[in-house]
């Protein structure tokens, strides 16, 4: 099994249903001619719908996906030939060193929850190993001590006996897990700094689109301030059809020294200008959701015939140019 793994995930929505695609990246054994070597590998874990967009749901989906794959592997002939030892969820989580997502606040929270799950898995593995090294007498004392605390937390022996058997079984399972976790934390604290660092290593690698966002938004904001500071007239206002008519009436009212109405001021405040507005407008024209109103094909064919190569817009044909992501604004500037 690989020594370390990187998870990656991204999702989208379709008709109010969340879909998530998941991959795992790792160094695995090279089964090619050069046996014994290592090769980089990316494994697709499938696309599955999620019930909601909360942070708890992706973590549960990761656990379910990995558990299903491990169950299939453990029951397969290949898994039995590979040593016969069952691989469990904690064995995978311990080797998780990185998760790659986008840069949204929700994904950041997801990575934090996944890091907590890895810490739990590390403590679980260390605790289970510690239990195997203890004598039966030591295990008995640990169990009795934990059981006394469990009964006390339930309100005493009488209230404990009144609980349903299902509830008792659930509490006993939690008790055993807490004992293992406590042992694991104790073992972890005895490790040296290097071992602790390796076991706790977890990196959240988000996407780089926020770099473009900061560059475009920062430069755009500075330019707007420069126009005002030096009294330079800014770009032409690109109003929509409704506001364009209202703004024309506003200009006529000012020219005739008439009073400007609140509706006219609102139309001015809601109308924007500049490079970002230009690329958004171009996106609406060249990549309209209604193909009958989309003029992209005209520019692609024109680019082939006149320039003897593909039009720059062709590479952006599948990209939502009207999307607010700043990196798409940067990509669209060149062909414009």
C-alpha atoms as a PDB file:
ATOM      1  CA  UNK A   1       0.000   0.000   0.000  1.00  0.00           C
ATOM      2  CA  UNK A   2       1.165   3.552  -0.700  1.00  0.00           C
ATOM      3  CA  UNK A   3       3.060   5.355   2.061  1.00  0.00           C
ATOM      4  CA  UNK A   4       1.062   8.562   1.649  1.00  0.00           C
ATOM      5  CA  UNK A   5      -1.967   9.813  -0.257  1.00  0.00           C
ATOM      6  CA  UNK A   6      -3.520  13.032  -1.472  1.00  0.00           C
ATOM      7  CA  UNK A   7      -7.276  13.371  -1.814  1.00  0.00           C
ATOM      8  CA  UNK A   8      -8.882  15.794  -4.214  1.00  0.00           C
ATOM      9  CA  UNK A   9     -12.496  16.702  -4.777  1.00  0.00           C
ATOM     10  CA  UNK A  10     -14.670  19.172  -6.595  1.00  0.00           C
ATOM     11  CA  UNK A  11     -18.362  19.446  -7.142  1.00  0.00           C
ATOM     12  CA  UNK A  12     -21.135  21.097  -9.049  1.00  0.00           C
ATOM     13  CA  UNK A  13     -24.896  21.279  -8.961  1.00  0.00           C
ATOM     14  CA  UNK A  14     -27.507  20.120 -11.441  1.00  0.00           C
ATOM     15  CA  UNK A  15     -31.219  20.621 -10.895  1.00  0.00           C
ATOM     16  CA  UNK A  16     -30.755  21.273  -7.180  1.00  0.00           C
ATOM     17  CA  UNK A  17     -28.638  18.132  -6.705  1.00  0.00           C
ATOM     18  CA  UNK A  18     -25.002  18.349  -5.569  1.00  0.00           C
ATOM     19  CA  UNK A  19     -22.544  16.093  -7.419  1.00  0.00           C
ATOM     20  CA  UNK A  20     -18.961  15.538  -6.239  1.00  0.00           C
ATOM     21  CA  UNK A  21     -16.053  14.023  -8.133  1.00  0.00           C
ATOM     22  CA  UNK A  22     -13.234  12.487  -6.072  1.00  0.00           C
ATOM     23  CA  UNK A  23      -9.687  11.336  -6.834  1.00  0.00           C
ATOM     24  CA  UNK A  24      -6.747  10.001  -4.885  1.00  0.00           C
ATOM     25  CA  UNK A  25      -3.105  10.652  -5.853  1.00  0.00           C
ATOM     26  CA  UNK A  26      -0.211   8.516  -4.621  1.00  0.00           C
ATOM     27  CA  UNK A  27       3.072   6.784  -5.345  1.00  0.00           C
ATOM     28  CA  UNK A  28       2.394   3.119  -5.984  1.00  0.00           C
ATOM     29  CA  UNK A  29       4.333   0.059  -7.040  1.00  0.00           C
ATOM     30  CA  UNK A  30       5.295   0.017 -10.699  1.00  0.00           C
ATOM     31  CA  UNK A  31       3.975  -3.201 -12.239  1.00  0.00           C
ATOM     32  CA  UNK A  32       5.746  -2.478 -15.523  1.00  0.00           C
ATOM     33  CA  UNK A  33       9.094  -3.791 -16.791  1.00  0.00           C
ATOM     34  CA  UNK A  34      11.016  -1.981 -14.030  1.00  0.00           C
ATOM     35  CA  UNK A  35       9.626  -3.977 -11.142  1.00  0.00           C
ATOM     36  CA  UNK A  36      10.217  -2.687  -7.662  1.00  0.00           C
ATOM     37  CA  UNK A  37      10.080   0.981  -8.645  1.00  0.00           C
ATOM     38  CA  UNK A  38       7.491   3.605  -7.818  1.00  0.00           C
ATOM     39  CA  UNK A  39       5.234   5.526 -10.169  1.00  0.00           C
ATOM     40  CA  UNK A  40       2.796   8.385  -9.685  1.00  0.00           C
ATOM     41  CA  UNK A  41      -0.804   7.320  -9.991  1.00  0.00           C
ATOM     42  CA  UNK A  42      -4.182   9.018  -9.916  1.00  0.00           C
ATOM     43  CA  UNK A  43      -7.219   6.908  -9.176  1.00  0.00           C
ATOM     44  CA  UNK A  44     -10.764   8.037  -9.898  1.00  0.00           C
ATOM     45  CA  UNK A  45     -13.139   7.348  -6.992  1.00  0.00           C
ATOM     46  CA  UNK A  46     -16.313   8.156  -8.858  1.00  0.00           C
ATOM     47  CA  UNK A  47     -18.950  10.875  -9.038  1.00  0.00           C
ATOM     48  CA  UNK A  48     -21.670  10.700  -6.432  1.00  0.00           C
ATOM     49  CA  UNK A  49     -24.531  12.961  -5.366  1.00  0.00           C
ATOM     50  CA  UNK A  50     -24.596  14.543  -1.920  1.00  0.00           C
ATOM     51  CA  UNK A  51     -27.700  15.193   0.115  1.00  0.00           C
ATOM     52  CA  UNK A  52     -26.729  18.775   0.946  1.00  0.00           C
ATOM     53  CA  UNK A  53     -23.854  21.230   0.831  1.00  0.00           C
ATOM     54  CA  UNK A  54     -22.897  21.074   4.508  1.00  0.00           C
ATOM     55  CA  UNK A  55     -19.372  20.216   5.664  1.00  0.00           C
ATOM     56  CA  UNK A  56     -20.528  17.052   7.428  1.00  0.00           C
ATOM     57  CA  UNK A  57     -21.884  15.515   4.259  1.00  0.00           C
ATOM     58  CA  UNK A  58     -18.587  15.494   2.247  1.00  0.00           C
ATOM     59  CA  UNK A  59     -16.747  13.868   5.168  1.00  0.00           C
ATOM     60  CA  UNK A  60     -19.412  11.168   5.419  1.00  0.00           C
ATOM     61  CA  UNK A  61     -19.241  10.671   1.636  1.00  0.00           C
ATOM     62  CA  UNK A  62     -15.446  10.251   1.788  1.00  0.00           C
ATOM     63  CA  UNK A  63     -15.814   7.641   4.517  1.00  0.00           C
ATOM     64  CA  UNK A  64     -18.544   5.794   2.638  1.00  0.00           C
ATOM     65  CA  UNK A  65     -16.626   5.824  -0.651  1.00  0.00           C
ATOM     66  CA  UNK A  66     -13.390   4.548   0.894  1.00  0.00           C
ATOM     67  CA  UNK A  67     -15.177   1.925   2.979  1.00  0.00           C
ATOM     68  CA  UNK A  68     -16.990   0.544  -0.082  1.00  0.00           C
ATOM     69  CA  UNK A  69     -13.721   0.269  -2.029  1.00  0.00           C
ATOM     70  CA  UNK A  70     -11.924  -1.384   0.889  1.00  0.00           C
ATOM     71  CA  UNK A  71     -14.746  -3.848   1.395  1.00  0.00           C
ATOM     72  CA  UNK A  72     -14.532  -4.840  -2.269  1.00  0.00           C
ATOM     73  CA  UNK A  73     -10.746  -5.150  -2.055  1.00  0.00           C
ATOM     74  CA  UNK A  74     -10.775  -7.214   1.143  1.00  0.00           C
ATOM     75  CA  UNK A  75     -13.233  -9.697  -0.389  1.00  0.00           C
ATOM     76  CA  UNK A  76     -11.445  -9.900  -3.739  1.00  0.00           C
ATOM     77  CA  UNK A  77      -8.965 -12.672  -4.697  1.00  0.00           C
ATOM     78  CA  UNK A  78      -6.316  -9.996  -5.299  1.00  0.00           C
ATOM     79  CA  UNK A  79      -6.742  -8.656  -1.795  1.00  0.00           C
ATOM     80  CA  UNK A  80      -6.467 -12.136  -0.318  1.00  0.00           C
ATOM     81  CA  UNK A  81      -3.314 -12.864  -2.345  1.00  0.00           C
ATOM     82  CA  UNK A  82      -1.723  -9.591  -1.152  1.00  0.00           C
ATOM     83  CA  UNK A  83      -1.096 -10.829   2.365  1.00  0.00           C
ATOM     84  CA  UNK A  84      -4.530 -11.604   3.660  1.00  0.00           C
ATOM     85  CA  UNK A  85      -4.558  -8.667   6.114  1.00  0.00           C
ATOM     86  CA  UNK A  86      -7.734  -6.639   6.041  1.00  0.00           C
ATOM     87  CA  UNK A  87      -7.326  -2.949   5.235  1.00  0.00           C
ATOM     88  CA  UNK A  88      -9.601  -0.669   7.225  1.00  0.00           C
ATOM     89  CA  UNK A  89     -10.632   2.957   6.942  1.00  0.00           C
ATOM     90  CA  UNK A  90      -8.179   4.076   9.640  1.00  0.00           C
ATOM     91  CA  UNK A  91      -5.286   2.556   7.656  1.00  0.00           C
ATOM     92  CA  UNK A  92      -6.100   4.873   4.749  1.00  0.00           C
ATOM     93  CA  UNK A  93      -6.736   7.971   6.858  1.00  0.00           C
ATOM     94  CA  UNK A  94      -3.388   7.620   8.636  1.00  0.00           C
ATOM     95  CA  UNK A  95      -1.650   7.856   5.253  1.00  0.00           C
ATOM     96  CA  UNK A  96      -3.620  10.928   4.176  1.00  0.00           C
ATOM     97  CA  UNK A  97      -1.209  13.873   3.995  1.00  0.00           C
ATOM     98  CA  UNK A  98      -3.009  16.378   1.769  1.00  0.00           C
ATOM     99  CA  UNK A  99      -6.395  17.331   0.394  1.00  0.00           C
ATOM    100  CA  UNK A 100      -6.846  19.442  -2.713  1.00  0.00           C
ATOM    101  CA  UNK A 101     -10.024  21.493  -3.132  1.00  0.00           C
ATOM    102  CA  UNK A 102     -11.032  24.926  -4.299  1.00  0.00           C
ATOM    103  CA  UNK A 103     -10.550  27.986  -2.095  1.00  0.00           C
ATOM    104  CA  UNK A 104     -14.060  28.536  -0.776  1.00  0.00           C
ATOM    105  CA  UNK A 105     -14.634  28.914   2.957  1.00  0.00           C
ATOM    106  CA  UNK A 106     -16.744  25.757   2.965  1.00  0.00           C
ATOM    107  CA  UNK A 107     -13.920  23.709   1.431  1.00  0.00           C
ATOM    108  CA  UNK A 108     -11.549  25.109   4.020  1.00  0.00           C
ATOM    109  CA  UNK A 109     -13.894  23.863   6.718  1.00  0.00           C
ATOM    110  CA  UNK A 110     -14.120  20.484   4.959  1.00  0.00           C
ATOM    111  CA  UNK A 111     -10.332  20.161   5.032  1.00  0.00           C
ATOM    112  CA  UNK A 112     -10.330  21.062   8.728  1.00  0.00           C
ATOM    113  CA  UNK A 113     -12.873  18.316   9.418  1.00  0.00           C
ATOM    114  CA  UNK A 114     -10.819  15.844   7.380  1.00  0.00           C
ATOM    115  CA  UNK A 115      -7.716  16.779   9.381  1.00  0.00           C
ATOM    116  CA  UNK A 116      -9.640  16.082  12.603  1.00  0.00           C
ATOM    117  CA  UNK A 117     -10.659  12.711  11.182  1.00  0.00           C
ATOM    118  CA  UNK A 118      -7.025  11.916  10.422  1.00  0.00           C
ATOM    119  CA  UNK A 119      -6.009  12.800  14.000  1.00  0.00           C
ATOM    120  CA  UNK A 120      -8.711  10.430  15.235  1.00  0.00           C
ATOM    121  CA  UNK A 121      -7.363   7.683  12.946  1.00  0.00           C
ATOM    122  CA  UNK A 122      -3.776   8.195  14.154  1.00  0.00           C
ATOM    123  CA  UNK A 123      -4.866   7.962  17.794  1.00  0.00           C
ATOM    124  CA  UNK A 124      -6.956   4.909  16.963  1.00  0.00           C
ATOM    125  CA  UNK A 125      -4.062   3.050  15.331  1.00  0.00           C
ATOM    126  CA  UNK A 126      -1.619   3.940  18.097  1.00  0.00           C
ATOM    127  CA  UNK A 127      -4.179   2.992  20.739  1.00  0.00           C
ATOM    128  CA  UNK A 128      -4.902  -0.385  19.157  1.00  0.00           C
ATOM    129  CA  UNK A 129      -1.185  -1.164  18.981  1.00  0.00           C
ATOM    130  CA  UNK A 130      -0.808  -0.164  22.631  1.00  0.00           C
ATOM    131  CA  UNK A 131      -3.667  -2.452  23.654  1.00  0.00           C
ATOM    132  CA  UNK A 132      -1.987  -5.433  21.969  1.00  0.00           C
ATOM    133  CA  UNK A 133       1.096  -4.863  24.118  1.00  0.00           C
ATOM    134  CA  UNK A 134      -0.816  -4.791  27.416  1.00  0.00           C
ATOM    135  CA  UNK A 135      -1.534  -7.784  29.620  1.00  0.00           C
ATOM    136  CA  UNK A 136      -5.023  -9.110  30.284  1.00  0.00           C
ATOM    137  CA  UNK A 137      -4.916  -7.664  33.788  1.00  0.00           C
ATOM    138  CA  UNK A 138      -4.070  -4.196  32.476  1.00  0.00           C
ATOM    139  CA  UNK A 139      -6.832  -4.392  29.891  1.00  0.00           C
ATOM    140  CA  UNK A 140      -9.305  -5.498  32.558  1.00  0.00           C
ATOM    141  CA  UNK A 141      -8.419  -2.531  34.774  1.00  0.00           C
ATOM    142  CA  UNK A 142      -8.792  -0.130  31.849  1.00  0.00           C
ATOM    143  CA  UNK A 143     -12.191  -1.563  30.961  1.00  0.00           C
ATOM    144  CA  UNK A 144     -13.495  -1.506  34.537  1.00  0.00           C
ATOM    145  CA  UNK A 145     -12.341   2.084  35.048  1.00  0.00           C
ATOM    146  CA  UNK A 146     -14.020   3.200  31.823  1.00  0.00           C
ATOM    147  CA  UNK A 147     -17.182   1.281  32.688  1.00  0.00           C
ATOM    148  CA  UNK A 148     -17.461   2.965  36.095  1.00  0.00           C
ATOM    149  CA  UNK A 149     -17.219   6.374  34.399  1.00  0.00           C
ATOM    150  CA  UNK A 150     -19.829   5.332  31.835  1.00  0.00           C
ATOM    151  CA  UNK A 151     -22.334   4.215  34.492  1.00  0.00           C
ATOM    152  CA  UNK A 152     -21.697   7.362  36.527  1.00  0.00           C
ATOM    153  CA  UNK A 153     -22.303   9.545  33.463  1.00  0.00           C
ATOM    154  CA  UNK A 154     -25.599   7.721  32.901  1.00  0.00           C
ATOM    155  CA  UNK A 155     -26.792   8.757  36.355  1.00  0.00           C
ATOM    156  CA  UNK A 156     -25.844   5.740  38.440  1.00  0.00           C
ATOM    157  CA  UNK A 157     -26.338   1.983  38.364  1.00  0.00           C
ATOM    158  CA  UNK A 158     -30.110   2.133  38.712  1.00  0.00           C
ATOM    159  CA  UNK A 159     -30.568   4.464  35.738  1.00  0.00           C
ATOM    160  CA  UNK A 160     -28.048   2.447  33.763  1.00  0.00           C
ATOM    161  CA  UNK A 161     -30.058  -0.738  34.264  1.00  0.00           C
ATOM    162  CA  UNK A 162     -33.197   1.068  33.075  1.00  0.00           C
ATOM    163  CA  UNK A 163     -31.679   1.948  29.704  1.00  0.00           C
ATOM    164  CA  UNK A 164     -32.684  -0.096  26.623  1.00  0.00           C
ATOM    165  CA  UNK A 165     -30.200  -2.727  25.489  1.00  0.00           C
ATOM    166  CA  UNK A 166     -29.625  -0.917  22.213  1.00  0.00           C
ATOM    167  CA  UNK A 167     -28.610   2.259  24.056  1.00  0.00           C
ATOM    168  CA  UNK A 168     -26.335   0.249  26.368  1.00  0.00           C
ATOM    169  CA  UNK A 169     -24.600  -1.356  23.384  1.00  0.00           C
ATOM    170  CA  UNK A 170     -24.037   2.036  21.760  1.00  0.00           C
ATOM    171  CA  UNK A 171     -22.572   3.465  24.959  1.00  0.00           C
ATOM    172  CA  UNK A 172     -20.284   0.443  25.410  1.00  0.00           C
ATOM    173  CA  UNK A 173     -18.987   0.894  21.864  1.00  0.00           C
ATOM    174  CA  UNK A 174     -18.280   4.571  22.562  1.00  0.00           C
ATOM    175  CA  UNK A 175     -16.586   3.584  25.841  1.00  0.00           C
ATOM    176  CA  UNK A 176     -14.212   1.171  24.072  1.00  0.00           C
ATOM    177  CA  UNK A 177     -13.399   3.773  21.423  1.00  0.00           C
ATOM    178  CA  UNK A 178     -12.642   6.382  24.094  1.00  0.00           C
ATOM    179  CA  UNK A 179     -10.302   3.954  25.853  1.00  0.00           C
ATOM    180  CA  UNK A 180      -8.425   3.303  22.610  1.00  0.00           C
ATOM    181  CA  UNK A 181      -8.274   7.033  21.818  1.00  0.00           C
ATOM    182  CA  UNK A 182      -6.904   7.842  25.271  1.00  0.00           C
ATOM    183  CA  UNK A 183      -4.217   5.189  24.907  1.00  0.00           C
ATOM    184  CA  UNK A 184      -3.377   6.521  21.452  1.00  0.00           C
ATOM    185  CA  UNK A 185      -2.985  10.084  22.692  1.00  0.00           C
ATOM    186  CA  UNK A 186      -0.688   8.859  25.442  1.00  0.00           C
ATOM    187  CA  UNK A 187       1.491   6.970  22.964  1.00  0.00           C
ATOM    188  CA  UNK A 188       1.583   9.969  20.612  1.00  0.00           C
ATOM    189  CA  UNK A 189       2.873  12.270  23.341  1.00  0.00           C
ATOM    190  CA  UNK A 190       5.798   9.899  23.936  1.00  0.00           C
ATOM    191  CA  UNK A 191       6.946  10.094  20.309  1.00  0.00           C
ATOM    192  CA  UNK A 192       9.786  12.393  19.259  1.00  0.00           C
ATOM    193  CA  UNK A 193       9.145  15.596  17.321  1.00  0.00           C
ATOM    194  CA  UNK A 194       9.973  14.087  13.926  1.00  0.00           C
ATOM    195  CA  UNK A 195       7.570  11.162  14.360  1.00  0.00           C
ATOM    196  CA  UNK A 196       4.820  13.488  15.580  1.00  0.00           C
ATOM    197  CA  UNK A 197       5.302  15.737  12.572  1.00  0.00           C
ATOM    198  CA  UNK A 198       5.046  12.829  10.124  1.00  0.00           C
ATOM    199  CA  UNK A 199       1.890  11.476  11.726  1.00  0.00           C
ATOM    200  CA  UNK A 200       0.219  14.902  11.937  1.00  0.00           C
ATOM    201  CA  UNK A 201       1.294  16.078   8.480  1.00  0.00           C
ATOM    202  CA  UNK A 202      -1.769  17.427   6.688  1.00  0.00           C
ATOM    203  CA  UNK A 203      -1.784  20.063   3.954  1.00  0.00           C
ATOM    204  CA  UNK A 204      -4.762  21.850   2.500  1.00  0.00           C
ATOM    205  CA  UNK A 205      -3.881  22.730  -1.114  1.00  0.00           C
ATOM    206  CA  UNK A 206      -6.517  25.014  -2.534  1.00  0.00           C
ATOM    207  CA  UNK A 207      -6.709  26.122  -6.144  1.00  0.00           C
ATOM    208  CA  UNK A 208      -4.799  29.130  -7.432  1.00  0.00           C
ATOM    209  CA  UNK A 209      -7.668  31.088  -8.941  1.00  0.00           C
ATOM    210  CA  UNK A 210      -7.732  33.471  -5.963  1.00  0.00           C
ATOM    211  CA  UNK A 211      -4.285  34.687  -7.086  1.00  0.00           C
ATOM    212  CA  UNK A 212      -5.882  35.987 -10.274  1.00  0.00           C
ATOM    213  CA  UNK A 213      -8.791  37.300  -8.239  1.00  0.00           C
ATOM    214  CA  UNK A 214      -6.482  39.373  -6.039  1.00  0.00           C
ATOM    215  CA  UNK A 215      -4.503  40.606  -9.047  1.00  0.00           C
ATOM    216  CA  UNK A 216      -7.509  41.670 -11.103  1.00  0.00           C
ATOM    217  CA  UNK A 217      -9.591  43.055  -8.261  1.00  0.00           C
ATOM    218  CA  UNK A 218      -6.635  44.873  -6.691  1.00  0.00           C
ATOM    219  CA  UNK A 219      -5.524  46.465  -9.951  1.00  0.00           C
ATOM    220  CA  UNK A 220      -9.086  47.373 -10.875  1.00  0.00           C
ATOM    221  CA  UNK A 221      -9.688  49.050  -7.494  1.00  0.00           C
ATOM    222  CA  UNK A 222      -6.450  51.077  -7.738  1.00  0.00           C
ATOM    223  CA  UNK A 223      -7.344  52.239 -11.243  1.00  0.00           C
ATOM    224  CA  UNK A 224     -10.794  53.392 -10.112  1.00  0.00           C
ATOM    225  CA  UNK A 225      -9.214  55.429  -7.306  1.00  0.00           C
ATOM    226  CA  UNK A 226      -6.712  56.936  -9.762  1.00  0.00           C
ATOM    227  CA  UNK A 227      -9.523  58.251 -11.989  1.00  0.00           C
ATOM    228  CA  UNK A 228     -11.119  60.052  -9.046  1.00  0.00           C
ATOM    229  CA  UNK A 229      -7.889  61.374  -7.512  1.00  0.00           C
ATOM    230  CA  UNK A 230      -6.630  62.930 -10.756  1.00  0.00           C
ATOM    231  CA  UNK A 231     -10.005  64.013 -12.092  1.00  0.00           C
ATOM    232  CA  UNK A 232      -9.767  61.777 -15.149  1.00  0.00           C
ATOM    233  CA  UNK A 233     -12.984  60.735 -16.802  1.00  0.00           C
ATOM    234  CA  UNK A 234     -13.417  56.983 -16.441  1.00  0.00           C
ATOM    235  CA  UNK A 235     -14.669  54.465 -19.022  1.00  0.00           C
ATOM    236  CA  UNK A 236     -18.056  54.824 -20.642  1.00  0.00           C
ATOM    237  CA  UNK A 237     -20.922  53.439 -18.584  1.00  0.00           C
ATOM    238  CA  UNK A 238     -22.185  50.171 -20.057  1.00  0.00           C
ATOM    239  CA  UNK A 239     -25.813  50.218 -19.019  1.00  0.00           C
ATOM    240  CA  UNK A 240     -28.362  47.586 -19.940  1.00  0.00           C
ATOM    241  CA  UNK A 241     -31.264  48.406 -22.246  1.00  0.00           C
ATOM    242  CA  UNK A 242     -33.616  49.502 -19.472  1.00  0.00           C
ATOM    243  CA  UNK A 243     -31.125  51.660 -17.603  1.00  0.00           C
ATOM    244  CA  UNK A 244     -29.743  53.113 -20.844  1.00  0.00           C
ATOM    245  CA  UNK A 245     -33.071  54.768 -21.576  1.00  0.00           C
ATOM    246  CA  UNK A 246     -33.351  56.090 -18.015  1.00  0.00           C
ATOM    247  CA  UNK A 247     -29.807  57.473 -18.111  1.00  0.00           C
ATOM    248  CA  UNK A 248     -30.524  59.228 -21.388  1.00  0.00           C
ATOM    249  CA  UNK A 249     -33.515  60.912 -19.714  1.00  0.00           C
ATOM    250  CA  UNK A 250     -31.259  61.824 -16.787  1.00  0.00           C
ATOM    251  CA  UNK A 251     -28.728  63.498 -19.098  1.00  0.00           C
ATOM    252  CA  UNK A 252     -31.497  65.472 -20.785  1.00  0.00           C
ATOM    253  CA  UNK A 253     -32.846  66.564 -17.403  1.00  0.00           C
ATOM    254  CA  UNK A 254     -29.407  67.806 -16.348  1.00  0.00           C
ATOM    255  CA  UNK A 255     -28.944  69.643 -19.658  1.00  0.00           C
ATOM    256  CA  UNK A 256     -32.299  71.360 -19.201  1.00  0.00           C
ATOM    257  CA  UNK A 257     -31.507  72.033 -15.540  1.00  0.00           C
ATOM    258  CA  UNK A 258     -34.493  69.943 -14.462  1.00  0.00           C
ATOM    259  CA  UNK A 259     -34.638  67.909 -11.279  1.00  0.00           C
ATOM    260  CA  UNK A 260     -33.154  64.423 -11.434  1.00  0.00           C
ATOM    261  CA  UNK A 261     -35.520  61.730 -10.178  1.00  0.00           C
ATOM    262  CA  UNK A 262     -34.538  59.016  -7.651  1.00  0.00           C
ATOM    263  CA  UNK A 263     -35.165  56.377 -10.321  1.00  0.00           C
ATOM    264  CA  UNK A 264     -32.625  58.051 -12.596  1.00  0.00           C
ATOM    265  CA  UNK A 265     -30.031  58.200  -9.814  1.00  0.00           C
ATOM    266  CA  UNK A 266     -30.667  54.542  -9.022  1.00  0.00           C
ATOM    267  CA  UNK A 267     -30.127  53.602 -12.675  1.00  0.00           C
ATOM    268  CA  UNK A 268     -26.795  55.443 -12.607  1.00  0.00           C
ATOM    269  CA  UNK A 269     -25.651  53.787  -9.388  1.00  0.00           C
ATOM    270  CA  UNK A 270     -26.559  50.320 -10.609  1.00  0.00           C
ATOM    271  CA  UNK A 271     -24.817  50.703 -13.966  1.00  0.00           C
ATOM    272  CA  UNK A 272     -21.154  49.767 -14.157  1.00  0.00           C
ATOM    273  CA  UNK A 273     -18.262  50.279 -16.518  1.00  0.00           C
ATOM    274  CA  UNK A 274     -14.679  49.187 -17.096  1.00  0.00           C
ATOM    275  CA  UNK A 275     -12.851  46.038 -18.157  1.00  0.00           C
ATOM    276  CA  UNK A 276     -14.759  43.562 -15.987  1.00  0.00           C
ATOM    277  CA  UNK A 277     -18.108  44.807 -17.262  1.00  0.00           C
ATOM    278  CA  UNK A 278     -16.749  44.595 -20.822  1.00  0.00           C
ATOM    279  CA  UNK A 279     -15.695  40.958 -20.460  1.00  0.00           C
ATOM    280  CA  UNK A 280     -19.008  40.079 -18.828  1.00  0.00           C
ATOM    281  CA  UNK A 281     -20.855  41.639 -21.756  1.00  0.00           C
ATOM    282  CA  UNK A 282     -18.621  39.805 -24.242  1.00  0.00           C
ATOM    283  CA  UNK A 283     -19.351  36.565 -22.455  1.00  0.00           C
ATOM    284  CA  UNK A 284     -23.088  37.157 -22.766  1.00  0.00           C
ATOM    285  CA  UNK A 285     -22.674  37.768 -26.504  1.00  0.00           C
ATOM    286  CA  UNK A 286     -20.101  35.137 -27.493  1.00  0.00           C
ATOM    287  CA  UNK A 287     -21.172  32.334 -25.168  1.00  0.00           C
ATOM    288  CA  UNK A 288     -24.881  32.820 -24.612  1.00  0.00           C
ATOM    289  CA  UNK A 289     -26.744  29.957 -22.957  1.00  0.00           C
ATOM    290  CA  UNK A 290     -29.166  30.109 -25.882  1.00  0.00           C
ATOM    291  CA  UNK A 291     -27.179  28.820 -28.873  1.00  0.00           C
ATOM    292  CA  UNK A 292     -29.482  30.675 -31.270  1.00  0.00           C
ATOM    293  CA  UNK A 293     -28.288  33.949 -29.745  1.00  0.00           C
ATOM    294  CA  UNK A 294     -24.651  32.822 -29.500  1.00  0.00           C
ATOM    295  CA  UNK A 295     -22.311  34.414 -32.087  1.00  0.00           C
ATOM    296  CA  UNK A 296     -19.296  32.304 -31.095  1.00  0.00           C
ATOM    297  CA  UNK A 297     -19.447  30.103 -34.209  1.00  0.00           C
ATOM    298  CA  UNK A 298     -19.176  33.165 -36.444  1.00  0.00           C
ATOM    299  CA  UNK A 299     -15.912  34.245 -34.814  1.00  0.00           C
ATOM    300  CA  UNK A 300     -14.461  30.729 -34.805  1.00  0.00           C
ATOM    301  CA  UNK A 301     -15.074  30.271 -38.535  1.00  0.00           C
ATOM    302  CA  UNK A 302     -13.853  33.796 -39.234  1.00  0.00           C
ATOM    303  CA  UNK A 303     -10.660  33.145 -37.322  1.00  0.00           C
ATOM    304  CA  UNK A 304      -9.968  30.006 -39.358  1.00  0.00           C
ATOM    305  CA  UNK A 305     -10.612  31.655 -42.725  1.00  0.00           C
ATOM    306  CA  UNK A 306      -8.888  35.008 -42.191  1.00  0.00           C
ATOM    307  CA  UNK A 307      -6.120  34.137 -39.763  1.00  0.00           C
ATOM    308  CA  UNK A 308      -5.414  30.573 -40.932  1.00  0.00           C
ATOM    309  CA  UNK A 309      -5.666  29.299 -37.363  1.00  0.00           C
ATOM    310  CA  UNK A 310      -8.249  28.758 -34.693  1.00  0.00           C
ATOM    311  CA  UNK A 311      -9.844  31.866 -33.309  1.00  0.00           C
ATOM    312  CA  UNK A 312      -8.780  32.655 -29.715  1.00  0.00           C
ATOM    313  CA  UNK A 313     -12.431  32.546 -28.772  1.00  0.00           C
ATOM    314  CA  UNK A 314     -12.617  28.851 -29.625  1.00  0.00           C
ATOM    315  CA  UNK A 315     -10.601  27.895 -26.560  1.00  0.00           C
ATOM    316  CA  UNK A 316     -13.060  29.869 -24.478  1.00  0.00           C
ATOM    317  CA  UNK A 317     -16.160  28.509 -26.153  1.00  0.00           C
ATOM    318  CA  UNK A 318     -16.728  25.952 -23.421  1.00  0.00           C
ATOM    319  CA  UNK A 319     -15.938  28.432 -20.651  1.00  0.00           C
ATOM    320  CA  UNK A 320     -18.677  30.578 -19.166  1.00  0.00           C
ATOM    321  CA  UNK A 321     -17.150  33.931 -20.088  1.00  0.00           C
ATOM    322  CA  UNK A 322     -19.797  35.762 -18.131  1.00  0.00           C
ATOM    323  CA  UNK A 323     -18.721  33.887 -14.993  1.00  0.00           C
ATOM    324  CA  UNK A 324     -17.524  36.166 -12.200  1.00  0.00           C
ATOM    325  CA  UNK A 325     -14.338  34.161 -11.614  1.00  0.00           C
ATOM    326  CA  UNK A 326     -11.504  36.612 -12.112  1.00  0.00           C
ATOM    327  CA  UNK A 327      -9.208  34.204 -13.937  1.00  0.00           C
ATOM    328  CA  UNK A 328     -11.786  33.980 -16.725  1.00  0.00           C
ATOM    329  CA  UNK A 329     -11.738  37.750 -17.098  1.00  0.00           C
ATOM    330  CA  UNK A 330      -7.966  37.559 -17.543  1.00  0.00           C
ATOM    331  CA  UNK A 331      -8.298  34.734 -20.091  1.00  0.00           C
ATOM    332  CA  UNK A 332     -10.832  36.721 -22.101  1.00  0.00           C
ATOM    333  CA  UNK A 333      -8.811  39.950 -22.335  1.00  0.00           C
ATOM    334  CA  UNK A 334      -6.367  38.528 -24.883  1.00  0.00           C
ATOM    335  CA  UNK A 335      -8.882  37.459 -27.551  1.00  0.00           C
ATOM    336  CA  UNK A 336     -10.882  40.655 -27.039  1.00  0.00           C
END
